[in-house]
C-alpha cells in the first residue's frame, strides 16, 4: 500500500492534504484524526519538503531519493 500527502501544522492542529480515493472525492484537506485514508496505514514516512534543499534538488533533477527507516 502507498499513498502520498502533505501534513500541515496549523496552530497546533494537524491536517492532511491528499487525493482522497474513497468515493473518488479528489484532493481534500482534513484533520488527520478525521481522515479515513490516513487511518488505513500503519507505516508513515515523514520528510520536510519545503525546507529540505537536498530533497528539492533531487526531486527537480528526477534523481533517486533514498528512504532511510529506523
N, C-alpha and C. Protein backbone atom coordinates (compact mmCIF):
# COMPACT_ATOMS: atom_id res chain seq x y z
N UNK A 1 0.83 -1.18 0.00
CA UNK A 1 0.00 0.00 0.00
C UNK A 1 0.87 1.24 0.00
N UNK A 2 0.43 2.24 -0.72
CA UNK A 2 1.14 3.51 -0.67
C UNK A 2 0.18 4.65 -0.99
N UNK A 3 0.53 5.79 -0.47
CA UNK A 3 -0.28 7.00 -0.68
C UNK A 3 0.61 8.18 -0.33
N UNK A 4 0.44 9.28 -1.01
CA UNK A 4 1.26 10.46 -0.75
C UNK A 4 0.35 11.61 -0.37
N UNK A 5 0.77 12.34 0.65
CA UNK A 5 0.02 13.51 1.06
C UNK A 5 0.94 14.48 1.75
N UNK A 6 0.42 15.62 2.10
CA UNK A 6 1.18 16.64 2.80
C UNK A 6 0.52 16.85 4.16
N UNK A 7 1.35 16.99 5.18
CA UNK A 7 0.83 17.28 6.51
C UNK A 7 1.08 18.75 6.81
N UNK A 8 0.04 19.42 7.24
CA UNK A 8 0.13 20.84 7.58
C UNK A 8 -0.14 21.00 9.07
N UNK A 9 0.74 21.72 9.75
CA UNK A 9 0.54 22.05 11.16
C UNK A 9 0.04 23.48 11.20
N UNK A 10 -1.21 23.64 11.57
CA UNK A 10 -1.81 24.97 11.60
C UNK A 10 -2.29 25.25 13.02
N UNK A 11 -1.52 26.08 13.73
CA UNK A 11 -1.86 26.46 15.11
C UNK A 11 -2.01 25.23 16.00
N UNK A 12 -1.15 24.22 15.79
CA UNK A 12 -1.18 23.03 16.63
C UNK A 12 -2.11 21.93 16.16
N UNK A 13 -2.95 22.20 15.18
CA UNK A 13 -3.82 21.18 14.60
C UNK A 13 -3.13 20.61 13.37
N UNK A 14 -3.17 19.28 13.21
CA UNK A 14 -2.56 18.63 12.05
C UNK A 14 -3.62 18.29 11.02
N UNK A 15 -3.33 18.67 9.77
CA UNK A 15 -4.21 18.41 8.65
C UNK A 15 -3.45 17.59 7.61
N UNK A 16 -4.16 16.78 6.85
CA UNK A 16 -3.55 16.07 5.74
C UNK A 16 -4.19 16.59 4.45
N UNK A 17 -3.35 16.92 3.49
CA UNK A 17 -3.79 17.38 2.17
C UNK A 17 -3.41 16.25 1.21
N UNK A 18 -4.40 15.65 0.57
CA UNK A 18 -4.13 14.49 -0.27
C UNK A 18 -5.29 14.26 -1.22
N UNK A 19 -5.07 13.37 -2.16
CA UNK A 19 -6.14 12.98 -3.07
C UNK A 19 -6.89 11.82 -2.42
N UNK A 20 -8.09 12.09 -1.95
CA UNK A 20 -8.88 11.09 -1.24
C UNK A 20 -9.54 10.16 -2.24
N UNK A 21 -9.06 8.93 -2.27
CA UNK A 21 -9.59 7.95 -3.24
C UNK A 21 -10.87 7.30 -2.76
N UNK A 22 -11.24 7.48 -1.51
CA UNK A 22 -12.51 6.92 -1.03
C UNK A 22 -13.64 7.72 -1.64
N UNK A 23 -14.54 7.05 -2.32
CA UNK A 23 -15.66 7.68 -3.03
C UNK A 23 -15.19 8.68 -4.09
N UNK A 24 -13.94 8.53 -4.56
CA UNK A 24 -13.38 9.40 -5.61
C UNK A 24 -13.60 10.88 -5.31
N UNK A 25 -13.29 11.30 -4.08
CA UNK A 25 -13.50 12.69 -3.66
C UNK A 25 -12.55 13.67 -4.32
N UNK A 26 -11.34 13.20 -4.66
CA UNK A 26 -10.34 14.11 -5.20
C UNK A 26 -9.54 14.73 -4.07
N UNK A 27 -8.88 15.85 -4.36
CA UNK A 27 -8.00 16.49 -3.39
C UNK A 27 -8.82 17.13 -2.27
N UNK A 28 -8.41 16.81 -1.03
CA UNK A 28 -9.11 17.34 0.14
C UNK A 28 -8.09 17.76 1.19
N UNK A 29 -8.52 18.60 2.11
CA UNK A 29 -7.75 18.89 3.32
C UNK A 29 -8.67 18.55 4.48
N UNK A 30 -8.14 17.73 5.40
CA UNK A 30 -8.95 17.29 6.52
C UNK A 30 -8.07 17.06 7.73
N UNK A 31 -8.66 17.16 8.91
CA UNK A 31 -7.90 16.88 10.13
C UNK A 31 -7.45 15.42 10.08
N UNK A 32 -6.22 15.19 10.50
CA UNK A 32 -5.68 13.84 10.45
C UNK A 32 -6.58 12.86 11.20
N UNK A 33 -7.05 13.25 12.36
CA UNK A 33 -7.86 12.31 13.15
C UNK A 33 -9.20 11.99 12.50
N UNK A 34 -9.64 12.79 11.52
CA UNK A 34 -10.90 12.55 10.82
C UNK A 34 -10.71 11.83 9.48
N UNK A 35 -9.47 11.60 9.08
CA UNK A 35 -9.18 11.04 7.75
C UNK A 35 -9.30 9.52 7.72
N UNK A 36 -10.23 9.02 6.93
CA UNK A 36 -10.37 7.57 6.75
C UNK A 36 -9.13 6.99 6.07
N UNK A 37 -8.62 7.68 5.07
CA UNK A 37 -7.44 7.19 4.34
C UNK A 37 -6.24 7.12 5.27
N UNK A 38 -5.97 8.17 6.02
CA UNK A 38 -4.80 8.22 6.90
C UNK A 38 -4.85 7.09 7.93
N UNK A 39 -6.03 6.76 8.41
CA UNK A 39 -6.16 5.72 9.44
C UNK A 39 -5.93 4.32 8.88
N UNK A 40 -5.87 4.16 7.57
CA UNK A 40 -5.65 2.84 6.96
C UNK A 40 -4.20 2.39 7.01
N UNK A 41 -3.28 3.28 7.30
CA UNK A 41 -1.85 2.96 7.21
C UNK A 41 -1.22 2.78 8.58
N UNK A 42 -0.32 1.79 8.64
CA UNK A 42 0.39 1.52 9.89
C UNK A 42 1.82 2.06 9.85
N UNK A 43 2.34 2.34 8.65
CA UNK A 43 3.67 2.93 8.50
C UNK A 43 3.53 4.26 7.79
N UNK A 44 4.17 5.27 8.35
CA UNK A 44 4.11 6.60 7.77
C UNK A 44 5.52 7.16 7.74
N UNK A 45 5.94 7.67 6.58
CA UNK A 45 7.26 8.28 6.43
C UNK A 45 7.06 9.78 6.26
N UNK A 46 7.75 10.54 7.07
CA UNK A 46 7.60 11.99 7.03
C UNK A 46 8.93 12.63 6.68
N UNK A 47 8.90 13.56 5.74
CA UNK A 47 10.10 14.29 5.34
C UNK A 47 9.72 15.76 5.15
N UNK A 48 10.57 16.64 5.66
CA UNK A 48 10.35 18.06 5.40
C UNK A 48 10.62 18.29 3.93
N UNK A 49 9.75 18.99 3.27
CA UNK A 49 9.91 19.20 1.83
C UNK A 49 10.37 20.61 1.52
N UNK A 50 9.61 21.59 1.94
CA UNK A 50 9.91 22.96 1.51
C UNK A 50 11.20 23.49 2.10
N UNK A 51 11.68 22.95 3.21
CA UNK A 51 12.92 23.43 3.81
C UNK A 51 14.10 22.49 3.56
N UNK A 52 13.86 21.39 2.85
CA UNK A 52 14.90 20.40 2.61
C UNK A 52 15.46 20.61 1.20
N UNK A 53 16.54 21.41 1.09
CA UNK A 53 17.09 21.77 -0.23
C UNK A 53 17.61 20.56 -0.99
N UNK A 54 18.22 19.60 -0.28
CA UNK A 54 18.74 18.40 -0.95
C UNK A 54 17.60 17.62 -1.59
N UNK A 55 16.53 17.43 -0.84
CA UNK A 55 15.37 16.71 -1.36
C UNK A 55 14.77 17.45 -2.56
N UNK A 56 14.60 18.75 -2.44
CA UNK A 56 14.02 19.53 -3.54
C UNK A 56 14.87 19.43 -4.81
N UNK A 57 16.20 19.54 -4.67
CA UNK A 57 17.07 19.45 -5.84
C UNK A 57 17.01 18.07 -6.49
N UNK A 58 17.01 17.01 -5.69
CA UNK A 58 16.91 15.66 -6.26
C UNK A 58 15.58 15.48 -6.97
N UNK A 59 14.52 15.98 -6.37
CA UNK A 59 13.19 15.86 -6.97
C UNK A 59 13.15 16.60 -8.31
N UNK A 60 13.67 17.82 -8.35
CA UNK A 60 13.67 18.61 -9.58
C UNK A 60 14.54 17.99 -10.67
N UNK A 61 15.62 17.31 -10.27
CA UNK A 61 16.51 16.65 -11.24
C UNK A 61 16.10 15.22 -11.56
N UNK A 62 14.99 14.79 -10.97
CA UNK A 62 14.48 13.44 -11.16
C UNK A 62 15.51 12.38 -10.75
N UNK A 63 16.23 12.65 -9.66
CA UNK A 63 17.23 11.73 -9.13
C UNK A 63 16.60 10.84 -8.06
N UNK A 64 17.13 9.63 -7.90
CA UNK A 64 16.61 8.73 -6.85
C UNK A 64 16.75 9.37 -5.46
N UNK A 65 15.76 9.13 -4.64
CA UNK A 65 15.78 9.64 -3.26
C UNK A 65 15.76 8.43 -2.33
N UNK A 66 16.80 8.32 -1.52
CA UNK A 66 16.93 7.19 -0.60
C UNK A 66 16.00 7.39 0.59
N UNK A 67 15.27 6.34 0.92
CA UNK A 67 14.38 6.38 2.08
C UNK A 67 15.08 5.61 3.19
N UNK A 68 15.33 6.26 4.29
CA UNK A 68 16.02 5.65 5.43
C UNK A 68 14.99 5.41 6.52
N UNK A 69 14.90 4.17 6.97
CA UNK A 69 13.97 3.85 8.06
C UNK A 69 14.77 3.45 9.28
N UNK A 70 14.20 3.65 10.42
CA UNK A 70 14.89 3.32 11.66
C UNK A 70 14.17 2.25 12.41
